[in-house]
Amino acid sequence: MQLPRLLKGFNVFADGLNKHGVTMTVKRPPLKFKTEDYTPGGMIAELSAVHGIEKLELELVSKGYDAELFKSISHKIGGNLIRYQGSLHKEDEDEHEMLVGEFRGRIVEVDPGEDKAGEGGEHTFKYALTYWKESVNGDTVLEIDVMNNKVIIGGRDYFAGMRKNLGL
């Protein structure tokens, strides 16, 4: 029987700022391939042709008023660096594993939420990403570099042939 790796805690560094105790939630981007459905002649069902990946977005929710993140809004497409570090643990093991997410992008939306007297409130920051790398204990699980046409999952580079053919 296998037990799951559970996230026991996490921390976020946004442009070098330690957000420990401030960041409430992190919503990492879903990995969704951009496809085109078609039915080839003589086939009984549709097939999907992969043309790339969908837009990558990351959301951070901060407790209270977060002026530091507001001030970090960048006009550069990859102007913000976000590092996510988590501690994974299986209940039948002593050791913890480090989950690391490295992201590059820019803030494209800020939702300051509702202001209520006596409550801290929350701010939601949405980033449009150009880079995402995720690893466990230093072993890279995935790396996506939109600007350089790279999608590497489990060590397999899905667009290496296309880059070669395009002279990139």
N, C-alpha and C. Protein backbone atom coordinates (compact mmCIF):
# COMPACT_ATOMS: atom_id res chain seq x y z
N MET A 1 0.84 -1.18 0.00
CA MET A 1 0.00 0.00 0.00
C MET A 1 0.89 1.25 0.00
N GLN A 2 0.47 2.24 -0.75
CA GLN A 2 1.19 3.51 -0.79
C GLN A 2 0.39 4.59 -0.10
N LEU A 3 1.08 5.43 0.61
CA LEU A 3 0.44 6.60 1.21
C LEU A 3 0.84 7.84 0.41
N PRO A 4 -0.05 8.83 0.35
CA PRO A 4 0.25 10.02 -0.46
C PRO A 4 1.28 10.93 0.20
N ARG A 5 1.95 11.69 -0.64
CA ARG A 5 2.80 12.77 -0.15
C ARG A 5 1.88 13.94 0.18
N LEU A 6 1.81 14.31 1.43
CA LEU A 6 0.93 15.41 1.85
C LEU A 6 1.75 16.68 2.03
N LEU A 7 1.19 17.78 1.60
CA LEU A 7 1.83 19.08 1.79
C LEU A 7 1.61 19.50 3.24
N LYS A 8 2.69 19.57 4.01
CA LYS A 8 2.59 19.90 5.43
C LYS A 8 2.74 21.39 5.70
N GLY A 9 3.31 22.10 4.76
CA GLY A 9 3.48 23.54 4.90
C GLY A 9 4.16 24.09 3.67
N PHE A 10 4.07 25.42 3.48
CA PHE A 10 4.73 26.03 2.33
C PHE A 10 5.10 27.47 2.65
N ASN A 11 5.97 28.00 1.81
CA ASN A 11 6.38 29.39 1.90
C ASN A 11 6.52 29.93 0.49
N VAL A 12 6.38 31.23 0.35
CA VAL A 12 6.50 31.89 -0.95
C VAL A 12 7.49 33.04 -0.83
N PHE A 13 8.32 33.17 -1.85
CA PHE A 13 9.23 34.31 -1.99
C PHE A 13 8.84 35.00 -3.28
N ALA A 14 8.40 36.24 -3.19
CA ALA A 14 7.98 37.01 -4.37
C ALA A 14 8.99 38.12 -4.59
N ASP A 15 9.72 38.04 -5.69
CA ASP A 15 10.78 39.00 -6.00
C ASP A 15 11.74 39.16 -4.82
N GLY A 16 12.08 38.03 -4.19
CA GLY A 16 13.03 38.03 -3.09
C GLY A 16 12.43 38.34 -1.73
N LEU A 17 11.17 38.73 -1.69
CA LEU A 17 10.52 39.05 -0.42
C LEU A 17 9.94 37.78 0.21
N ASN A 18 10.30 37.52 1.45
CA ASN A 18 9.81 36.35 2.17
C ASN A 18 8.36 36.61 2.60
N LYS A 19 7.42 35.82 2.07
CA LYS A 19 6.00 36.02 2.36
C LYS A 19 5.47 35.03 3.41
N HIS A 20 6.39 34.45 4.21
CA HIS A 20 5.99 33.50 5.25
C HIS A 20 5.03 34.18 6.22
N GLY A 21 3.93 33.54 6.49
CA GLY A 21 2.93 34.09 7.40
C GLY A 21 1.96 35.05 6.74
N VAL A 22 2.19 35.41 5.50
CA VAL A 22 1.32 36.35 4.78
C VAL A 22 0.53 35.63 3.69
N THR A 23 1.21 34.74 2.95
CA THR A 23 0.54 34.04 1.85
C THR A 23 -0.38 32.97 2.41
N MET A 24 -1.66 33.06 2.06
CA MET A 24 -2.65 32.10 2.54
C MET A 24 -2.76 30.89 1.61
N THR A 25 -2.86 31.17 0.30
CA THR A 25 -2.99 30.08 -0.66
C THR A 25 -2.18 30.39 -1.91
N VAL A 26 -1.78 29.32 -2.57
CA VAL A 26 -1.11 29.40 -3.87
C VAL A 26 -1.86 28.46 -4.80
N LYS A 27 -2.26 28.98 -5.94
CA LYS A 27 -2.90 28.13 -6.94
C LYS A 27 -1.95 28.04 -8.13
N ARG A 28 -1.25 26.89 -8.20
CA ARG A 28 -0.32 26.68 -9.30
C ARG A 28 -1.11 26.46 -10.58
N PRO A 29 -0.47 26.72 -11.73
CA PRO A 29 -1.22 26.63 -12.99
C PRO A 29 -1.55 25.20 -13.36
N PRO A 30 -2.73 24.99 -13.94
CA PRO A 30 -2.99 23.67 -14.53
C PRO A 30 -2.20 23.56 -15.82
N LEU A 31 -1.69 22.37 -16.11
CA LEU A 31 -1.00 22.13 -17.37
C LEU A 31 -2.02 21.58 -18.35
N LYS A 32 -2.35 22.39 -19.34
CA LYS A 32 -3.37 21.99 -20.31
C LYS A 32 -2.81 22.22 -21.71
N PHE A 33 -2.81 21.16 -22.50
CA PHE A 33 -2.30 21.26 -23.86
C PHE A 33 -3.34 21.92 -24.76
N LYS A 34 -2.86 22.79 -25.64
CA LYS A 34 -3.71 23.44 -26.63
C LYS A 34 -3.89 22.45 -27.77
N THR A 35 -5.13 22.05 -28.04
CA THR A 35 -5.38 21.02 -29.04
C THR A 35 -6.39 21.48 -30.08
N GLU A 36 -6.36 20.79 -31.19
CA GLU A 36 -7.34 20.99 -32.25
C GLU A 36 -7.93 19.61 -32.54
N ASP A 37 -9.24 19.49 -32.43
CA ASP A 37 -9.90 18.22 -32.71
C ASP A 37 -10.21 18.11 -34.19
N TYR A 38 -10.00 16.92 -34.72
CA TYR A 38 -10.30 16.67 -36.14
C TYR A 38 -10.63 15.20 -36.32
N THR A 39 -11.38 14.89 -37.37
CA THR A 39 -11.71 13.52 -37.71
C THR A 39 -11.09 13.19 -39.06
N PRO A 40 -10.03 12.39 -39.06
CA PRO A 40 -9.42 12.01 -40.33
C PRO A 40 -10.36 11.11 -41.14
N GLY A 41 -10.24 11.18 -42.46
CA GLY A 41 -11.07 10.34 -43.32
C GLY A 41 -10.92 8.87 -42.96
N GLY A 42 -12.04 8.17 -42.87
CA GLY A 42 -12.02 6.75 -42.57
C GLY A 42 -11.93 6.41 -41.10
N MET A 43 -11.79 7.40 -40.22
CA MET A 43 -11.68 7.13 -38.78
C MET A 43 -13.07 7.21 -38.14
N ILE A 44 -13.25 6.49 -37.04
CA ILE A 44 -14.56 6.44 -36.39
C ILE A 44 -14.69 7.44 -35.24
N ALA A 45 -13.61 8.14 -34.92
CA ALA A 45 -13.66 9.08 -33.81
C ALA A 45 -12.71 10.25 -34.06
N GLU A 46 -12.93 11.31 -33.29
CA GLU A 46 -12.06 12.48 -33.38
C GLU A 46 -10.71 12.18 -32.73
N LEU A 47 -9.70 12.84 -33.24
CA LEU A 47 -8.37 12.84 -32.64
C LEU A 47 -8.04 14.27 -32.25
N SER A 48 -7.06 14.42 -31.38
CA SER A 48 -6.64 15.76 -30.96
C SER A 48 -5.19 15.97 -31.37
N ALA A 49 -4.95 17.03 -32.12
CA ALA A 49 -3.59 17.43 -32.48
C ALA A 49 -3.12 18.46 -31.46
N VAL A 50 -1.93 18.25 -30.90
CA VAL A 50 -1.38 19.17 -29.91
C VAL A 50 -0.60 20.27 -30.62
N HIS A 51 -0.93 21.53 -30.29
CA HIS A 51 -0.27 22.68 -30.90
C HIS A 51 0.53 23.50 -29.90
N GLY A 52 0.59 23.09 -28.67
CA GLY A 52 1.31 23.84 -27.64
C GLY A 52 0.61 23.67 -26.31
N ILE A 53 0.73 24.68 -25.46
CA ILE A 53 0.07 24.65 -24.15
C ILE A 53 -0.77 25.91 -23.97
N GLU A 54 -1.76 25.79 -23.10
CA GLU A 54 -2.62 26.93 -22.77
C GLU A 54 -1.83 27.91 -21.90
N LYS A 55 -2.34 29.11 -21.79
CA LYS A 55 -1.73 30.16 -20.96
C LYS A 55 -1.55 29.65 -19.53
N LEU A 56 -0.40 29.95 -18.95
CA LEU A 56 -0.09 29.55 -17.58
C LEU A 56 -0.35 30.72 -16.64
N GLU A 57 -1.16 30.48 -15.61
CA GLU A 57 -1.45 31.52 -14.63
C GLU A 57 -1.26 30.98 -13.22
N LEU A 58 -0.73 31.82 -12.36
CA LEU A 58 -0.50 31.51 -10.95
C LEU A 58 -1.27 32.52 -10.12
N GLU A 59 -1.88 32.06 -9.03
CA GLU A 59 -2.58 32.98 -8.13
C GLU A 59 -2.02 32.86 -6.72
N LEU A 60 -1.76 34.01 -6.11
CA LEU A 60 -1.36 34.08 -4.71
C LEU A 60 -2.43 34.85 -3.95
N VAL A 61 -2.80 34.35 -2.79
CA VAL A 61 -3.74 35.07 -1.93
C VAL A 61 -2.99 35.45 -0.66
N SER A 62 -2.93 36.75 -0.38
CA SER A 62 -2.24 37.28 0.80
C SER A 62 -3.26 37.74 1.83
N LYS A 63 -2.93 37.52 3.08
CA LYS A 63 -3.77 38.00 4.17
C LYS A 63 -3.38 39.44 4.47
N GLY A 64 -4.39 40.28 4.64
CA GLY A 64 -4.14 41.68 4.97
C GLY A 64 -3.75 42.48 3.74
N TYR A 65 -3.39 43.71 3.98
CA TYR A 65 -3.00 44.62 2.90
C TYR A 65 -1.55 44.34 2.52
N ASP A 66 -1.29 44.01 1.27
CA ASP A 66 0.06 43.63 0.83
C ASP A 66 0.62 44.67 -0.14
N ALA A 67 1.11 45.77 0.41
CA ALA A 67 1.66 46.86 -0.41
C ALA A 67 2.90 46.41 -1.17
N GLU A 68 3.70 45.49 -0.59
CA GLU A 68 4.92 45.02 -1.26
C GLU A 68 4.61 44.38 -2.60
N LEU A 69 3.58 43.52 -2.64
CA LEU A 69 3.24 42.89 -3.92
C LEU A 69 2.64 43.90 -4.89
N PHE A 70 1.83 44.81 -4.39
CA PHE A 70 1.30 45.88 -5.26
C PHE A 70 2.45 46.62 -5.94
N LYS A 71 3.45 46.98 -5.16
CA LYS A 71 4.58 47.75 -5.68
C LYS A 71 5.45 46.96 -6.65
N SER A 72 5.33 45.63 -6.63
CA SER A 72 6.18 44.80 -7.48
C SER A 72 5.62 44.60 -8.88
N ILE A 73 4.48 45.23 -9.19
CA ILE A 73 3.89 45.09 -10.52
C ILE A 73 4.91 45.54 -11.56
N SER A 74 5.13 44.69 -12.55
CA SER A 74 6.15 44.96 -13.58
C SER A 74 5.50 45.05 -14.95
N HIS A 75 6.06 45.89 -15.79
CA HIS A 75 5.59 45.98 -17.18
C HIS A 75 6.33 44.99 -18.07
N LYS A 76 7.41 44.39 -17.55
CA LYS A 76 8.16 43.41 -18.32
C LYS A 76 7.43 42.07 -18.29
N ILE A 77 7.44 41.35 -19.41
CA ILE A 77 6.67 40.12 -19.54
C ILE A 77 7.11 39.04 -18.54
N GLY A 78 8.37 39.00 -18.18
CA GLY A 78 8.84 38.05 -17.18
C GLY A 78 9.46 38.76 -16.00
N GLY A 79 8.89 39.90 -15.64
CA GLY A 79 9.49 40.80 -14.66
C GLY A 79 9.39 40.39 -13.21
N ASN A 80 8.53 39.44 -12.87
CA ASN A 80 8.38 39.02 -11.48
C ASN A 80 8.86 37.58 -11.31
N LEU A 81 9.61 37.34 -10.24
CA LEU A 81 10.10 36.01 -9.91
C LEU A 81 9.40 35.54 -8.65
N ILE A 82 8.80 34.36 -8.71
CA ILE A 82 8.10 33.78 -7.56
C ILE A 82 8.71 32.42 -7.29
N ARG A 83 9.03 32.17 -6.03
CA ARG A 83 9.56 30.85 -5.63
C ARG A 83 8.63 30.31 -4.56
N TYR A 84 8.19 29.08 -4.78
CA TYR A 84 7.28 28.39 -3.87
C TYR A 84 8.05 27.21 -3.30
N GLN A 85 8.09 27.09 -1.98
CA GLN A 85 8.75 25.95 -1.35
C GLN A 85 7.77 25.28 -0.40
N GLY A 86 7.62 23.98 -0.58
CA GLY A 86 6.72 23.22 0.27
C GLY A 86 7.42 22.03 0.89
N SER A 87 6.85 21.53 1.96
CA SER A 87 7.38 20.34 2.62
C SER A 87 6.36 19.22 2.47
N LEU A 88 6.78 18.16 1.75
CA LEU A 88 5.92 17.00 1.51
C LEU A 88 6.29 15.89 2.49
N HIS A 89 5.28 15.15 2.96
CA HIS A 89 5.55 14.09 3.93
C HIS A 89 4.57 12.94 3.72
N LYS A 90 5.12 11.72 3.77
CA LYS A 90 4.28 10.52 3.79
C LYS A 90 4.18 10.08 5.25
N GLU A 91 2.99 9.72 5.68
CA GLU A 91 2.76 9.40 7.09
C GLU A 91 3.49 8.15 7.55
N ASP A 92 3.97 7.31 6.62
CA ASP A 92 4.69 6.10 7.02
C ASP A 92 6.21 6.26 6.89
N GLU A 93 6.70 7.50 6.71
CA GLU A 93 8.13 7.75 6.59
C GLU A 93 8.54 8.87 7.54
N ASP A 94 9.83 8.89 7.88
CA ASP A 94 10.36 9.93 8.76
C ASP A 94 10.76 11.18 7.99
N GLU A 95 11.24 11.00 6.77
CA GLU A 95 11.81 12.09 5.99
C GLU A 95 10.74 12.97 5.34
N HIS A 96 11.06 14.23 5.21
CA HIS A 96 10.24 15.17 4.45
C HIS A 96 10.95 15.44 3.13
N GLU A 97 10.18 15.71 2.08
CA GLU A 97 10.73 16.05 0.78
C GLU A 97 10.42 17.51 0.48
N MET A 98 11.33 18.17 -0.24
CA MET A 98 11.11 19.58 -0.58
C MET A 98 10.53 19.70 -1.98
N LEU A 99 9.37 20.33 -2.06
CA LEU A 99 8.73 20.67 -3.32
C LEU A 99 9.07 22.12 -3.63
N VAL A 100 9.64 22.37 -4.81
CA VAL A 100 10.01 23.73 -5.19
C VAL A 100 9.36 24.07 -6.52
N GLY A 101 8.70 25.20 -6.56
CA GLY A 101 8.17 25.74 -7.81
C GLY A 101 8.83 27.08 -8.08
N GLU A 102 9.40 27.22 -9.26
CA GLU A 102 10.02 28.49 -9.66
C GLU A 102 9.21 29.04 -10.83
N PHE A 103 8.79 30.29 -10.70
CA PHE A 103 7.91 30.90 -11.69
C PHE A 103 8.45 32.27 -12.09
N ARG A 104 8.26 32.60 -13.35
CA ARG A 104 8.57 33.93 -13.85
C ARG A 104 7.36 34.41 -14.64
N GLY A 105 6.98 35.65 -14.43
CA GLY A 105 5.83 36.21 -15.13
C GLY A 105 5.64 37.66 -14.71
N ARG A 106 4.41 38.10 -14.84
CA ARG A 106 4.08 39.45 -14.36
C ARG A 106 2.66 39.45 -13.83
N ILE A 107 2.43 40.36 -12.89
CA ILE A 107 1.10 40.49 -12.31
C ILE A 107 0.18 41.10 -13.36
N VAL A 108 -0.93 40.42 -13.64
CA VAL A 108 -1.89 40.92 -14.62
C VAL A 108 -3.23 41.28 -13.99
N GLU A 109 -3.41 40.90 -12.72
CA GLU A 109 -4.68 41.23 -12.05
C GLU A 109 -4.45 41.26 -10.54
N VAL A 110 -5.03 42.27 -9.90
CA VAL A 110 -5.01 42.36 -8.44
C VAL A 110 -6.44 42.54 -7.98
N ASP A 111 -6.89 41.66 -7.10
CA ASP A 111 -8.23 41.76 -6.53
C ASP A 111 -8.07 42.06 -5.05
N PRO A 112 -8.35 43.31 -4.62
CA PRO A 112 -8.18 43.65 -3.21
C PRO A 112 -9.27 43.10 -2.30
N GLY A 113 -10.26 42.42 -2.87
CA GLY A 113 -11.31 41.83 -2.05
C GLY A 113 -12.20 42.87 -1.39
N GLU A 114 -12.87 42.45 -0.33
CA GLU A 114 -13.78 43.34 0.41
C GLU A 114 -13.08 43.91 1.63
N ASP A 115 -13.36 45.15 1.92
CA ASP A 115 -12.87 45.77 3.14
C ASP A 115 -13.99 45.73 4.18
N LYS A 116 -13.68 45.13 5.34
CA LYS A 116 -14.63 45.07 6.44
C LYS A 116 -13.90 45.47 7.71
N ALA A 117 -14.50 46.35 8.47
CA ALA A 117 -13.89 46.78 9.73
C ALA A 117 -13.67 45.58 10.64
N GLY A 118 -12.50 45.51 11.24
CA GLY A 118 -12.21 44.44 12.18
C GLY A 118 -11.72 43.16 11.53
N GLU A 119 -11.64 43.13 10.20
CA GLU A 119 -11.15 41.94 9.51
C GLU A 119 -9.94 42.32 8.67
N GLY A 120 -9.02 41.40 8.57
CA GLY A 120 -7.77 41.67 7.87
C GLY A 120 -7.89 41.78 6.37
N GLY A 121 -8.88 41.11 5.80
CA GLY A 121 -9.04 41.12 4.35
C GLY A 121 -8.01 40.26 3.64
N GLU A 122 -8.20 40.10 2.36
CA GLU A 122 -7.29 39.31 1.54
C GLU A 122 -7.10 39.99 0.20
N HIS A 123 -5.92 39.84 -0.37
CA HIS A 123 -5.61 40.31 -1.72
C HIS A 123 -5.27 39.10 -2.58
N THR A 124 -5.81 39.07 -3.79
CA THR A 124 -5.48 38.01 -4.75
C THR A 124 -4.66 38.62 -5.87
N PHE A 125 -3.51 38.03 -6.14
CA PHE A 125 -2.62 38.47 -7.21
C PHE A 125 -2.55 37.38 -8.26
N LYS A 126 -2.86 37.74 -9.50
CA LYS A 126 -2.79 36.77 -10.60
C LYS A 126 -1.61 37.12 -11.49
N TYR A 127 -0.80 36.11 -11.77
CA TYR A 127 0.39 36.26 -12.62
C TYR A 127 0.18 35.51 -13.93
N ALA A 128 0.52 36.13 -15.05
CA ALA A 128 0.63 35.44 -16.34
C ALA A 128 2.08 35.00 -16.43
N LEU A 129 2.31 33.69 -16.57
CA LEU A 129 3.65 33.14 -16.47
C LEU A 129 4.31 32.92 -17.83
N THR A 130 5.63 33.08 -17.83
CA THR A 130 6.44 32.72 -19.00
C THR A 130 7.37 31.56 -18.67
N TYR A 131 7.50 31.22 -17.38
CA TYR A 131 8.40 30.15 -16.97
C TYR A 131 7.84 29.46 -15.74
N TRP A 132 7.97 28.11 -15.72
CA TRP A 132 7.53 27.31 -14.57
C TRP A 132 8.41 26.08 -14.49
N LYS A 133 9.06 25.92 -13.35
CA LYS A 133 9.86 24.73 -13.10
C LYS A 133 9.43 24.17 -11.76
N GLU A 134 9.21 22.87 -11.71
CA GLU A 134 8.81 22.23 -10.47
C GLU A 134 9.71 21.03 -10.21
N SER A 135 10.19 20.92 -8.97
CA SER A 135 11.09 19.82 -8.62
C SER A 135 10.77 19.31 -7.22
N VAL A 136 11.16 18.05 -6.99
CA VAL A 136 11.04 17.44 -5.67
C VAL A 136 12.43 16.95 -5.29
N ASN A 137 12.95 17.46 -4.18
CA ASN A 137 14.30 17.14 -3.71
C ASN A 137 15.35 17.34 -4.80
N GLY A 138 15.20 18.37 -5.60
CA GLY A 138 16.17 18.68 -6.65
C GLY A 138 15.97 17.94 -7.95
N ASP A 139 15.06 16.96 -7.99
CA ASP A 139 14.77 16.20 -9.21
C ASP A 139 13.67 16.94 -9.98
N THR A 140 14.00 17.42 -11.18
CA THR A 140 13.04 18.21 -11.96
C THR A 140 11.90 17.33 -12.45
N VAL A 141 10.68 17.73 -12.12
CA VAL A 141 9.47 17.05 -12.57
C VAL A 141 9.02 17.65 -13.90
N LEU A 142 8.98 18.98 -13.97
CA LEU A 142 8.62 19.65 -15.22
C LEU A 142 9.31 20.99 -15.31
N GLU A 143 9.52 21.42 -16.55
CA GLU A 143 10.07 22.74 -16.81
C GLU A 143 9.44 23.26 -18.09
N ILE A 144 8.81 24.41 -17.98
CA ILE A 144 8.17 25.04 -19.14
C ILE A 144 8.74 26.44 -19.28
N ASP A 145 9.32 26.69 -20.45
CA ASP A 145 9.89 28.00 -20.77
C ASP A 145 9.19 28.49 -22.04
N VAL A 146 8.17 29.29 -21.86
CA VAL A 146 7.33 29.73 -22.98
C VAL A 146 8.15 30.51 -24.01
N MET A 147 9.03 31.40 -23.55
CA MET A 147 9.79 32.25 -24.46
C MET A 147 10.78 31.47 -25.32
N ASN A 148 11.18 30.29 -24.84
CA ASN A 148 12.15 29.47 -25.58
C ASN A 148 11.54 28.17 -26.11
N ASN A 149 10.21 28.07 -26.14
CA ASN A 149 9.50 26.90 -26.70
C ASN A 149 9.93 25.58 -26.06
N LYS A 150 10.04 25.57 -24.73
CA LYS A 150 10.44 24.34 -24.04
C LYS A 150 9.32 23.84 -23.15
N VAL A 151 9.00 22.57 -23.29
CA VAL A 151 8.11 21.86 -22.37
C VAL A 151 8.80 20.54 -22.08
N ILE A 152 9.39 20.44 -20.88
CA ILE A 152 10.11 19.23 -20.49
C ILE A 152 9.37 18.64 -19.30
N ILE A 153 8.90 17.41 -19.46
CA ILE A 153 8.16 16.72 -18.40
C ILE A 153 8.83 15.36 -18.19
N GLY A 154 9.27 15.12 -16.96
CA GLY A 154 9.92 13.85 -16.66
C GLY A 154 11.16 13.60 -17.50
N GLY A 155 11.86 14.66 -17.87
CA GLY A 155 13.07 14.54 -18.67
C GLY A 155 12.86 14.50 -20.17
N ARG A 156 11.62 14.43 -20.62
CA ARG A 156 11.33 14.39 -22.06
C ARG A 156 11.01 15.79 -22.56
N ASP A 157 11.75 16.22 -23.57
CA ASP A 157 11.58 17.54 -24.17
C ASP A 157 10.61 17.43 -25.34
N TYR A 158 9.38 17.86 -25.13
CA TYR A 158 8.31 17.65 -26.10
C TYR A 158 8.44 18.49 -27.37
N PHE A 159 9.16 19.59 -27.32
CA PHE A 159 9.24 20.47 -28.49
C PHE A 159 10.66 20.63 -29.01
N ALA A 160 11.58 19.72 -28.64
CA ALA A 160 12.97 19.80 -29.11
C ALA A 160 13.04 19.71 -30.63
N GLY A 161 12.29 18.80 -31.22
CA GLY A 161 12.29 18.65 -32.68
C GLY A 161 11.80 19.89 -33.39
N MET A 162 10.76 20.52 -32.84
CA MET A 162 10.23 21.73 -33.45
C MET A 162 11.26 22.86 -33.37
N ARG A 163 11.91 23.02 -32.20
CA ARG A 163 12.93 24.06 -32.06
C ARG A 163 14.06 23.85 -33.06
N LYS A 164 14.47 22.59 -33.22
CA LYS A 164 15.55 22.28 -34.17
C LYS A 164 15.13 22.65 -35.58
N ASN A 165 13.92 22.27 -35.97
CA ASN A 165 13.43 22.56 -37.32
C ASN A 165 13.25 24.05 -37.58
N LEU A 166 13.00 24.83 -36.52
CA LEU A 166 12.83 26.28 -36.65
C LEU A 166 14.15 27.03 -36.51
N GLY A 167 15.23 26.30 -36.24
CA GLY A 167 16.53 26.94 -36.09
C GLY A 167 16.69 27.68 -34.78
N LEU A 168 16.00 27.23 -33.76
CA LEU A 168 16.06 27.89 -32.44
C LEU A 168 17.00 27.16 -31.49
